[in-house]
Amino acid sequence: MKTSTSERDLALAAMRLLASQPSGSASYRQLLALLPDSVDLSETDCEPSSTRPTELRWEQRVRNINSHRQASSNFICKGYLKPIPDGLALTNQGREFLLSAA
């Protein structure tokens, strides 16, 4: 059985989605609508969050990308993503990272 999708894997999937957007940005609402088509979510991912009852676990981890931005492993901290009002945007550094990871 697949374990939970990591915050890193969700951030990477979000970066790929943002790269496909003309503006390079999206609201959390847009990301939450599009990410399930890009990520193989596990049963655990689709359980309700224990700390945010109105969200599923994977949705909370997507929002945690911004909440955990001070962590050295976080893609905002690394300069790949930047927070925008109620969403995320891909930076030039993030685009370069995606090209090098391809």
PDB file of N, CA and C in Angstrom:
ATOM      1  N   MET A   1       0.840  -1.191   0.000  1.00  0.00           N
ATOM      2  CA  MET A   1       0.000   0.000   0.000  1.00  0.00           C
ATOM      3  C   MET A   1       0.884   1.254   0.000  1.00  0.00           C
ATOM      4  N   LYS A   2       0.552   2.205  -0.834  1.00  0.00           N
ATOM      5  CA  LYS A   2       1.305   3.443  -0.942  1.00  0.00           C
ATOM      6  C   LYS A   2       1.112   4.285   0.323  1.00  0.00           C
ATOM      7  N   THR A   3       2.202   4.882   0.779  1.00  0.00           N
ATOM      8  CA  THR A   3       2.121   5.768   1.938  1.00  0.00           C
ATOM      9  C   THR A   3       1.681   7.159   1.476  1.00  0.00           C
ATOM     10  N   SER A   4       1.664   8.080   2.395  1.00  0.00           N
ATOM     11  CA  SER A   4       1.267   9.449   2.080  1.00  0.00           C
ATOM     12  C   SER A   4       2.226  10.093   1.081  1.00  0.00           C
ATOM     13  N   THR A   5       1.681  10.932   0.238  1.00  0.00           N
ATOM     14  CA  THR A   5       2.490  11.711  -0.691  1.00  0.00           C
ATOM     15  C   THR A   5       3.171  12.815   0.109  1.00  0.00           C
ATOM     16  N   SER A   6       4.463  12.966  -0.068  1.00  0.00           N
ATOM     17  CA  SER A   6       5.213  13.938   0.722  1.00  0.00           C
ATOM     18  C   SER A   6       4.908  15.369   0.286  1.00  0.00           C
ATOM     19  N   GLU A   7       5.172  16.302   1.182  1.00  0.00           N
ATOM     20  CA  GLU A   7       5.026  17.715   0.859  1.00  0.00           C
ATOM     21  C   GLU A   7       5.942  18.074  -0.314  1.00  0.00           C
ATOM     22  N   ARG A   8       7.148  17.486  -0.341  1.00  0.00           N
ATOM     23  CA  ARG A   8       8.089  17.751  -1.432  1.00  0.00           C
ATOM     24  C   ARG A   8       7.508  17.291  -2.768  1.00  0.00           C
ATOM     25  N   ASP A   9       6.947  16.090  -2.808  1.00  0.00           N
ATOM     26  CA  ASP A   9       6.367  15.580  -4.052  1.00  0.00           C
ATOM     27  C   ASP A   9       5.179  16.428  -4.506  1.00  0.00           C
ATOM     28  N   LEU A  10       4.381  16.892  -3.561  1.00  0.00           N
ATOM     29  CA  LEU A  10       3.258  17.761  -3.905  1.00  0.00           C
ATOM     30  C   LEU A  10       3.762  19.113  -4.404  1.00  0.00           C
ATOM     31  N   ALA A  11       4.826  19.641  -3.795  1.00  0.00           N
ATOM     32  CA  ALA A  11       5.400  20.912  -4.242  1.00  0.00           C
ATOM     33  C   ALA A  11       5.967  20.780  -5.649  1.00  0.00           C
ATOM     34  N   LEU A  12       6.627  19.671  -5.923  1.00  0.00           N
ATOM     35  CA  LEU A  12       7.183  19.440  -7.257  1.00  0.00           C
ATOM     36  C   LEU A  12       6.060  19.335  -8.295  1.00  0.00           C
ATOM     37  N   ALA A  13       4.999  18.625  -7.967  1.00  0.00           N
ATOM     38  CA  ALA A  13       3.845  18.530  -8.869  1.00  0.00           C
ATOM     39  C   ALA A  13       3.213  19.909  -9.074  1.00  0.00           C
ATOM     40  N   ALA A  14       3.128  20.694  -8.012  1.00  0.00           N
ATOM     41  CA  ALA A  14       2.585  22.048  -8.119  1.00  0.00           C
ATOM     42  C   ALA A  14       3.469  22.895  -9.031  1.00  0.00           C
ATOM     43  N   MET A  15       4.781  22.749  -8.913  1.00  0.00           N
ATOM     44  CA  MET A  15       5.698  23.501  -9.774  1.00  0.00           C
ATOM     45  C   MET A  15       5.467  23.152 -11.243  1.00  0.00           C
ATOM     46  N   ARG A  16       5.288  21.883 -11.535  1.00  0.00           N
ATOM     47  CA  ARG A  16       5.046  21.466 -12.919  1.00  0.00           C
ATOM     48  C   ARG A  16       3.727  22.057 -13.444  1.00  0.00           C
ATOM     49  N   LEU A  17       2.701  22.065 -12.583  1.00  0.00           N
ATOM     50  CA  LEU A  17       1.427  22.671 -12.984  1.00  0.00           C
ATOM     51  C   LEU A  17       1.580  24.169 -13.210  1.00  0.00           C
ATOM     52  N   LEU A  18       2.290  24.837 -12.311  1.00  0.00           N
ATOM     53  CA  LEU A  18       2.486  26.277 -12.447  1.00  0.00           C
ATOM     54  C   LEU A  18       3.262  26.608 -13.717  1.00  0.00           C
ATOM     55  N   ALA A  19       4.209  25.757 -14.082  1.00  0.00           N
ATOM     56  CA  ALA A  19       4.991  25.978 -15.303  1.00  0.00           C
ATOM     57  C   ALA A  19       4.097  25.917 -16.542  1.00  0.00           C
ATOM     58  N   SER A  20       2.983  25.204 -16.453  1.00  0.00           N
ATOM     59  CA  SER A  20       2.073  25.081 -17.592  1.00  0.00           C
ATOM     60  C   SER A  20       1.057  26.224 -17.655  1.00  0.00           C
ATOM     61  N   GLN A  21       1.020  27.051 -16.626  1.00  0.00           N
ATOM     62  CA  GLN A  21       0.088  28.181 -16.589  1.00  0.00           C
ATOM     63  C   GLN A  21       0.731  29.400 -17.242  1.00  0.00           C
ATOM     64  N   PRO A  22       0.014  30.138 -18.069  1.00  0.00           N
ATOM     65  CA  PRO A  22       0.605  31.317 -18.725  1.00  0.00           C
ATOM     66  C   PRO A  22       1.213  32.317 -17.728  1.00  0.00           C
ATOM     67  N   SER A  23       0.575  32.487 -16.585  1.00  0.00           N
ATOM     68  CA  SER A  23       1.070  33.451 -15.589  1.00  0.00           C
ATOM     69  C   SER A  23       2.133  32.845 -14.674  1.00  0.00           C
ATOM     70  N   GLY A  24       2.254  31.504 -14.690  1.00  0.00           N
ATOM     71  CA  GLY A  24       3.183  30.832 -13.782  1.00  0.00           C
ATOM     72  C   GLY A  24       2.699  30.817 -12.350  1.00  0.00           C
ATOM     73  N   SER A  25       1.425  31.138 -12.153  1.00  0.00           N
ATOM     74  CA  SER A  25       0.872  31.180 -10.801  1.00  0.00           C
ATOM     75  C   SER A  25      -0.526  30.574 -10.798  1.00  0.00           C
ATOM     76  N   ALA A  26      -0.980  30.233  -9.599  1.00  0.00           N
ATOM     77  CA  ALA A  26      -2.331  29.691  -9.437  1.00  0.00           C
ATOM     78  C   ALA A  26      -2.759  29.868  -7.987  1.00  0.00           C
ATOM     79  N   SER A  27      -4.047  29.970  -7.804  1.00  0.00           N
ATOM     80  CA  SER A  27      -4.594  30.028  -6.451  1.00  0.00           C
ATOM     81  C   SER A  27      -4.561  28.626  -5.857  1.00  0.00           C
ATOM     82  N   TYR A  28      -4.671  28.551  -4.543  1.00  0.00           N
ATOM     83  CA  TYR A  28      -4.760  27.230  -3.920  1.00  0.00           C
ATOM     84  C   TYR A  28      -5.981  26.483  -4.446  1.00  0.00           C
ATOM     85  N   ARG A  29      -7.075  27.181  -4.670  1.00  0.00           N
ATOM     86  CA  ARG A  29      -8.283  26.541  -5.196  1.00  0.00           C
ATOM     87  C   ARG A  29      -7.974  25.858  -6.536  1.00  0.00           C
ATOM     88  N   GLN A  30      -7.247  26.572  -7.420  1.00  0.00           N
ATOM     89  CA  GLN A  30      -6.872  25.989  -8.712  1.00  0.00           C
ATOM     90  C   GLN A  30      -5.933  24.805  -8.527  1.00  0.00           C
ATOM     91  N   LEU A  31      -4.934  24.960  -7.669  1.00  0.00           N
ATOM     92  CA  LEU A  31      -3.984  23.875  -7.436  1.00  0.00           C
ATOM     93  C   LEU A  31      -4.690  22.632  -6.880  1.00  0.00           C
ATOM     94  N   LEU A  32      -5.579  22.842  -5.930  1.00  0.00           N
ATOM     95  CA  LEU A  32      -6.283  21.711  -5.324  1.00  0.00           C
ATOM     96  C   LEU A  32      -7.201  21.025  -6.331  1.00  0.00           C
ATOM     97  N   ALA A  33      -7.689  21.768  -7.314  1.00  0.00           N
ATOM     98  CA  ALA A  33      -8.536  21.171  -8.347  1.00  0.00           C
ATOM     99  C   ALA A  33      -7.702  20.380  -9.363  1.00  0.00           C
ATOM    100  N   LEU A  34      -6.490  20.842  -9.649  1.00  0.00           N
ATOM    101  CA  LEU A  34      -5.668  20.234 -10.700  1.00  0.00           C
ATOM    102  C   LEU A  34      -4.713  19.140 -10.221  1.00  0.00           C
ATOM    103  N   LEU A  35      -4.225  19.248  -9.002  1.00  0.00           N
ATOM    104  CA  LEU A  35      -3.207  18.307  -8.530  1.00  0.00           C
ATOM    105  C   LEU A  35      -3.640  16.835  -8.517  1.00  0.00           C
ATOM    106  N   PRO A  36      -4.887  16.493  -8.188  1.00  0.00           N
ATOM    107  CA  PRO A  36      -5.238  15.065  -8.186  1.00  0.00           C
ATOM    108  C   PRO A  36      -5.030  14.384  -9.544  1.00  0.00           C
ATOM    109  N   ASP A  37      -5.047  15.150 -10.633  1.00  0.00           N
ATOM    110  CA  ASP A  37      -4.799  14.576 -11.957  1.00  0.00           C
ATOM    111  C   ASP A  37      -3.310  14.382 -12.215  1.00  0.00           C
ATOM    112  N   SER A  38      -2.465  14.984 -11.375  1.00  0.00           N
ATOM    113  CA  SER A  38      -1.018  14.943 -11.579  1.00  0.00           C
ATOM    114  C   SER A  38      -0.280  14.075 -10.576  1.00  0.00           C
ATOM    115  N   VAL A  39      -0.956  13.698  -9.503  1.00  0.00           N
ATOM    116  CA  VAL A  39      -0.316  12.961  -8.416  1.00  0.00           C
ATOM    117  C   VAL A  39      -1.139  11.715  -8.109  1.00  0.00           C
ATOM    118  N   ASP A  40      -0.464  10.618  -7.869  1.00  0.00           N
ATOM    119  CA  ASP A  40      -1.140   9.382  -7.485  1.00  0.00           C
ATOM    120  C   ASP A  40      -1.364   9.427  -5.973  1.00  0.00           C
ATOM    121  N   LEU A  41      -2.520   9.910  -5.573  1.00  0.00           N
ATOM    122  CA  LEU A  41      -2.828  10.070  -4.147  1.00  0.00           C
ATOM    123  C   LEU A  41      -3.196   8.725  -3.531  1.00  0.00           C
ATOM    124  N   SER A  42      -2.716   8.500  -2.321  1.00  0.00           N
ATOM    125  CA  SER A  42      -3.008   7.258  -1.601  1.00  0.00           C
ATOM    126  C   SER A  42      -4.318   7.395  -0.819  1.00  0.00           C
ATOM    127  N   GLU A  43      -4.777   6.283  -0.275  1.00  0.00           N
ATOM    128  CA  GLU A  43      -5.969   6.320   0.588  1.00  0.00           C
ATOM    129  C   GLU A  43      -5.715   7.234   1.783  1.00  0.00           C
ATOM    130  N   THR A  44      -4.511   7.162   2.342  1.00  0.00           N
ATOM    131  CA  THR A  44      -4.156   8.003   3.496  1.00  0.00           C
ATOM    132  C   THR A  44      -4.214   9.483   3.121  1.00  0.00           C
ATOM    133  N   ASP A  45      -3.730   9.825   1.925  1.00  0.00           N
ATOM    134  CA  ASP A  45      -3.779  11.218   1.462  1.00  0.00           C
ATOM    135  C   ASP A  45      -5.204  11.751   1.451  1.00  0.00           C
ATOM    136  N   CYS A  46      -6.155  10.872   1.167  1.00  0.00           N
ATOM    137  CA  CYS A  46      -7.550  11.285   0.988  1.00  0.00           C
ATOM    138  C   CYS A  46      -8.381  11.221   2.264  1.00  0.00           C
ATOM    139  N   GLU A  47      -7.727  10.956   3.392  1.00  0.00           N
ATOM    140  CA  GLU A  47      -8.419  10.985   4.682  1.00  0.00           C
ATOM    141  C   GLU A  47      -8.510  12.424   5.179  1.00  0.00           C
ATOM    142  N   PRO A  48      -9.497  12.723   6.015  1.00  0.00           N
ATOM    143  CA  PRO A  48      -9.590  14.072   6.583  1.00  0.00           C
ATOM    144  C   PRO A  48      -8.361  14.398   7.429  1.00  0.00           C
ATOM    145  N   SER A  49      -7.939  15.649   7.359  1.00  0.00           N
ATOM    146  CA  SER A  49      -6.831  16.121   8.181  1.00  0.00           C
ATOM    147  C   SER A  49      -7.248  16.110   9.647  1.00  0.00           C
ATOM    148  N   SER A  50      -6.324  15.742  10.510  1.00  0.00           N
ATOM    149  CA  SER A  50      -6.641  15.735  11.942  1.00  0.00           C
ATOM    150  C   SER A  50      -6.611  17.140  12.538  1.00  0.00           C
ATOM    151  N   THR A  51      -5.934  18.080  11.877  1.00  0.00           N
ATOM    152  CA  THR A  51      -5.843  19.435  12.421  1.00  0.00           C
ATOM    153  C   THR A  51      -6.670  20.457  11.634  1.00  0.00           C
ATOM    154  N   ARG A  52      -7.031  20.120  10.404  1.00  0.00           N
ATOM    155  CA  ARG A  52      -7.884  20.996   9.596  1.00  0.00           C
ATOM    156  C   ARG A  52      -9.050  20.154   9.071  1.00  0.00           C
ATOM    157  N   PRO A  53     -10.117  20.028   9.851  1.00  0.00           N
ATOM    158  CA  PRO A  53     -11.211  19.108   9.528  1.00  0.00           C
ATOM    159  C   PRO A  53     -11.896  19.359   8.186  1.00  0.00           C
ATOM    160  N   THR A  54     -11.776  20.551   7.629  1.00  0.00           N
ATOM    161  CA  THR A  54     -12.436  20.824   6.352  1.00  0.00           C
ATOM    162  C   THR A  54     -11.550  20.452   5.156  1.00  0.00           C
ATOM    163  N   GLU A  55     -10.347  19.950   5.421  1.00  0.00           N
ATOM    164  CA  GLU A  55      -9.420  19.587   4.347  1.00  0.00           C
ATOM    165  C   GLU A  55      -9.021  18.119   4.429  1.00  0.00           C
ATOM    166  N   LEU A  56      -8.646  17.579   3.282  1.00  0.00           N
ATOM    167  CA  LEU A  56      -8.051  16.256   3.258  1.00  0.00           C
ATOM    168  C   LEU A  56      -6.562  16.401   3.570  1.00  0.00           C
ATOM    169  N   ARG A  57      -5.921  15.308   3.944  1.00  0.00           N
ATOM    170  CA  ARG A  57      -4.507  15.371   4.340  1.00  0.00           C
ATOM    171  C   ARG A  57      -3.623  15.952   3.241  1.00  0.00           C
ATOM    172  N   TRP A  58      -3.833  15.531   1.994  1.00  0.00           N
ATOM    173  CA  TRP A  58      -2.984  16.031   0.910  1.00  0.00           C
ATOM    174  C   TRP A  58      -3.212  17.524   0.684  1.00  0.00           C
ATOM    175  N   GLU A  59      -4.450  17.992   0.861  1.00  0.00           N
ATOM    176  CA  GLU A  59      -4.742  19.416   0.692  1.00  0.00           C
ATOM    177  C   GLU A  59      -4.009  20.237   1.753  1.00  0.00           C
ATOM    178  N   GLN A  60      -3.963  19.722   2.968  1.00  0.00           N
ATOM    179  CA  GLN A  60      -3.234  20.400   4.034  1.00  0.00           C
ATOM    180  C   GLN A  60      -1.748  20.490   3.684  1.00  0.00           C
ATOM    181  N   ARG A  61      -1.187  19.408   3.141  1.00  0.00           N
ATOM    182  CA  ARG A  61       0.237  19.423   2.789  1.00  0.00           C
ATOM    183  C   ARG A  61       0.529  20.427   1.673  1.00  0.00           C
ATOM    184  N   VAL A  62      -0.421  20.620   0.761  1.00  0.00           N
ATOM    185  CA  VAL A  62      -0.231  21.650  -0.274  1.00  0.00           C
ATOM    186  C   VAL A  62      -0.170  23.027   0.376  1.00  0.00           C
ATOM    187  N   ARG A  63      -1.064  23.299   1.296  1.00  0.00           N
ATOM    188  CA  ARG A  63      -1.042  24.596   1.989  1.00  0.00           C
ATOM    189  C   ARG A  63       0.186  24.723   2.902  1.00  0.00           C
ATOM    190  N   ASN A  64       0.696  23.581   3.375  1.00  0.00           N
ATOM    191  CA  ASN A  64       1.896  23.611   4.215  1.00  0.00           C
ATOM    192  C   ASN A  64       3.133  24.075   3.451  1.00  0.00           C
ATOM    193  N   ILE A  65       3.085  24.010   2.122  1.00  0.00           N
ATOM    194  CA  ILE A  65       4.218  24.515   1.344  1.00  0.00           C
ATOM    195  C   ILE A  65       4.504  25.954   1.759  1.00  0.00           C
ATOM    196  N   ASN A  66       3.463  26.744   1.949  1.00  0.00           N
ATOM    197  CA  ASN A  66       3.635  28.120   2.403  1.00  0.00           C
ATOM    198  C   ASN A  66       3.878  28.177   3.914  1.00  0.00           C
ATOM    199  N   SER A  67       3.142  27.389   4.678  1.00  0.00           N
ATOM    200  CA  SER A  67       3.281  27.413   6.141  1.00  0.00           C
ATOM    201  C   SER A  67       4.678  27.022   6.599  1.00  0.00           C
ATOM    202  N   HIS A  68       5.329  26.120   5.868  1.00  0.00           N
ATOM    203  CA  HIS A  68       6.660  25.623   6.244  1.00  0.00           C
ATOM    204  C   HIS A  68       7.785  26.306   5.460  1.00  0.00           C
ATOM    205  N   ARG A  69       7.525  27.501   4.946  1.00  0.00           N
ATOM    206  CA  ARG A  69       8.491  28.172   4.057  1.00  0.00           C
ATOM    207  C   ARG A  69       9.836  28.485   4.694  1.00  0.00           C
ATOM    208  N   GLN A  70       9.931  28.444   6.023  1.00  0.00           N
ATOM    209  CA  GLN A  70      11.211  28.707   6.689  1.00  0.00           C
ATOM    210  C   GLN A  70      12.116  27.476   6.735  1.00  0.00           C
ATOM    211  N   ALA A  71      11.574  26.291   6.462  1.00  0.00           N
ATOM    212  CA  ALA A  71      12.366  25.059   6.507  1.00  0.00           C
ATOM    213  C   ALA A  71      13.334  25.024   5.324  1.00  0.00           C
ATOM    214  N   SER A  72      14.566  24.634   5.573  1.00  0.00           N
ATOM    215  CA  SER A  72      15.594  24.674   4.531  1.00  0.00           C
ATOM    216  C   SER A  72      15.267  23.790   3.325  1.00  0.00           C
ATOM    217  N   SER A  73      14.473  22.754   3.519  1.00  0.00           N
ATOM    218  CA  SER A  73      14.123  21.861   2.411  1.00  0.00           C
ATOM    219  C   SER A  73      12.895  22.348   1.628  1.00  0.00           C
ATOM    220  N   ASN A  74      12.246  23.395   2.096  1.00  0.00           N
ATOM    221  CA  ASN A  74      11.022  23.899   1.495  1.00  0.00           C
ATOM    222  C   ASN A  74      11.325  24.617   0.176  1.00  0.00           C
ATOM    223  N   PHE A  75      10.452  24.450  -0.810  1.00  0.00           N
ATOM    224  CA  PHE A  75      10.683  25.025  -2.134  1.00  0.00           C
ATOM    225  C   PHE A  75      10.524  26.541  -2.164  1.00  0.00           C
ATOM    226  N   ILE A  76       9.810  27.135  -1.219  1.00  0.00           N
ATOM    227  CA  ILE A  76       9.780  28.600  -1.109  1.00  0.00           C
ATOM    228  C   ILE A  76      11.113  29.069  -0.546  1.00  0.00           C
ATOM    229  N   CYS A  77      11.604  28.407   0.495  1.00  0.00           N
ATOM    230  CA  CYS A  77      12.888  28.749   1.099  1.00  0.00           C
ATOM    231  C   CYS A  77      14.021  28.616   0.073  1.00  0.00           C
ATOM    232  N   LYS A  78      13.939  27.612  -0.788  1.00  0.00           N
ATOM    233  CA  LYS A  78      14.965  27.392  -1.810  1.00  0.00           C
ATOM    234  C   LYS A  78      14.855  28.386  -2.965  1.00  0.00           C
ATOM    235  N   GLY A  79      13.763  29.140  -3.018  1.00  0.00           N
ATOM    236  CA  GLY A  79      13.582  30.137  -4.068  1.00  0.00           C
ATOM    237  C   GLY A  79      12.896  29.621  -5.320  1.00  0.00           C
ATOM    238  N   TYR A  80      12.342  28.410  -5.288  1.00  0.00           N
ATOM    239  CA  TYR A  80      11.683  27.832  -6.458  1.00  0.00           C
ATOM    240  C   TYR A  80      10.241  28.313  -6.613  1.00  0.00           C
ATOM    241  N   LEU A  81       9.598  28.586  -5.493  1.00  0.00           N
ATOM    242  CA  LEU A  81       8.222  29.064  -5.455  1.00  0.00           C
ATOM    243  C   LEU A  81       8.164  30.335  -4.631  1.00  0.00           C
ATOM    244  N   LYS A  82       7.128  31.120  -4.859  1.00  0.00           N
ATOM    245  CA  LYS A  82       6.891  32.272  -3.984  1.00  0.00           C
ATOM    246  C   LYS A  82       5.408  32.335  -3.664  1.00  0.00           C
ATOM    247  N   PRO A  83       5.097  32.735  -2.431  1.00  0.00           N
ATOM    248  CA  PRO A  83       3.686  32.864  -2.064  1.00  0.00           C
ATOM    249  C   PRO A  83       3.088  34.100  -2.734  1.00  0.00           C
ATOM    250  N   ILE A  84       1.862  33.974  -3.162  1.00  0.00           N
ATOM    251  CA  ILE A  84       1.078  35.096  -3.651  1.00  0.00           C
ATOM    252  C   ILE A  84      -0.225  35.062  -2.865  1.00  0.00           C
ATOM    253  N   PRO A  85      -1.035  36.122  -2.912  1.00  0.00           N
ATOM    254  CA  PRO A  85      -2.291  36.079  -2.159  1.00  0.00           C
ATOM    255  C   PRO A  85      -3.115  34.832  -2.518  1.00  0.00           C
ATOM    256  N   ASP A  86      -3.303  33.964  -1.543  1.00  0.00           N
ATOM    257  CA  ASP A  86      -4.080  32.728  -1.654  1.00  0.00           C
ATOM    258  C   ASP A  86      -3.588  31.788  -2.757  1.00  0.00           C
ATOM    259  N   GLY A  87      -2.257  31.723  -2.932  1.00  0.00           N
ATOM    260  CA  GLY A  87      -1.737  30.804  -3.932  1.00  0.00           C
ATOM    261  C   GLY A  87      -0.227  30.769  -3.971  1.00  0.00           C
ATOM    262  N   LEU A  88       0.283  30.228  -5.073  1.00  0.00           N
ATOM    263  CA  LEU A  88       1.721  30.090  -5.274  1.00  0.00           C
ATOM    264  C   LEU A  88       2.085  30.501  -6.693  1.00  0.00           C
ATOM    265  N   ALA A  89       3.324  30.962  -6.852  1.00  0.00           N
ATOM    266  CA  ALA A  89       3.853  31.307  -8.169  1.00  0.00           C
ATOM    267  C   ALA A  89       5.218  30.660  -8.329  1.00  0.00           C
ATOM    268  N   LEU A  90       5.517  30.269  -9.548  1.00  0.00           N
ATOM    269  CA  LEU A  90       6.803  29.676  -9.887  1.00  0.00           C
ATOM    270  C   LEU A  90       7.795  30.804 -10.159  1.00  0.00           C
ATOM    271  N   THR A  91       8.990  30.699  -9.618  1.00  0.00           N
ATOM    272  CA  THR A  91      10.027  31.704  -9.852  1.00  0.00           C
ATOM    273  C   THR A  91      10.898  31.274 -11.034  1.00  0.00           C
ATOM    274  N   ASN A  92      11.740  32.184 -11.516  1.00  0.00           N
ATOM    275  CA  ASN A  92      12.689  31.827 -12.574  1.00  0.00           C
ATOM    276  C   ASN A  92      13.618  30.717 -12.095  1.00  0.00           C
ATOM    277  N   GLN A  93      14.027  30.796 -10.848  1.00  0.00           N
ATOM    278  CA  GLN A  93      14.879  29.751 -10.276  1.00  0.00           C
ATOM    279  C   GLN A  93      14.144  28.409 -10.266  1.00  0.00           C
ATOM    280  N   GLY A  94      12.853  28.443 -10.009  1.00  0.00           N
ATOM    281  CA  GLY A  94      12.042  27.229 -10.037  1.00  0.00           C
ATOM    282  C   GLY A  94      11.950  26.644 -11.435  1.00  0.00           C
ATOM    283  N   ARG A  95      11.819  27.510 -12.439  1.00  0.00           N
ATOM    284  CA  ARG A  95      11.794  27.029 -13.826  1.00  0.00           C
ATOM    285  C   ARG A  95      13.115  26.362 -14.182  1.00  0.00           C
ATOM    286  N   GLU A  96      14.224  26.980 -13.764  1.00  0.00           N
ATOM    287  CA  GLU A  96      15.542  26.398 -14.021  1.00  0.00           C
ATOM    288  C   GLU A  96      15.685  25.040 -13.336  1.00  0.00           C
ATOM    289  N   PHE A  97      15.177  24.940 -12.096  1.00  0.00           N
ATOM    290  CA  PHE A  97      15.221  23.681 -11.374  1.00  0.00           C
ATOM    291  C   PHE A  97      14.451  22.597 -12.127  1.00  0.00           C
ATOM    292  N   LEU A  98      13.261  22.938 -12.608  1.00  0.00           N
ATOM    293  CA  LEU A  98      12.455  21.955 -13.354  1.00  0.00           C
ATOM    294  C   LEU A  98      13.187  21.481 -14.611  1.00  0.00           C
ATOM    295  N   LEU A  99      13.830  22.408 -15.307  1.00  0.00           N
ATOM    296  CA  LEU A  99      14.574  22.031 -16.520  1.00  0.00           C
ATOM    297  C   LEU A  99      15.739  21.122 -16.194  1.00  0.00           C
ATOM    298  N   SER A 100      16.420  21.380 -15.081  1.00  0.00           N
ATOM    299  CA  SER A 100      17.574  20.559 -14.703  1.00  0.00           C
ATOM    300  C   SER A 100      17.152  19.193 -14.149  1.00  0.00           C
ATOM    301  N   ALA A 101      15.924  19.120 -13.626  1.00  0.00           N
ATOM    302  CA  ALA A 101      15.423  17.864 -13.050  1.00  0.00           C
ATOM    303  C   ALA A 101      14.777  16.974 -14.105  1.00  0.00           C
ATOM    304  N   ALA A 102      14.548  17.511 -15.294  1.00  0.00           N
ATOM    305  CA  ALA A 102      13.841  16.750 -16.340  1.00  0.00           C
ATOM    306  C   ALA A 102      14.671  15.654 -16.949  1.00  0.00           C
TER     307      ALA A 102
END
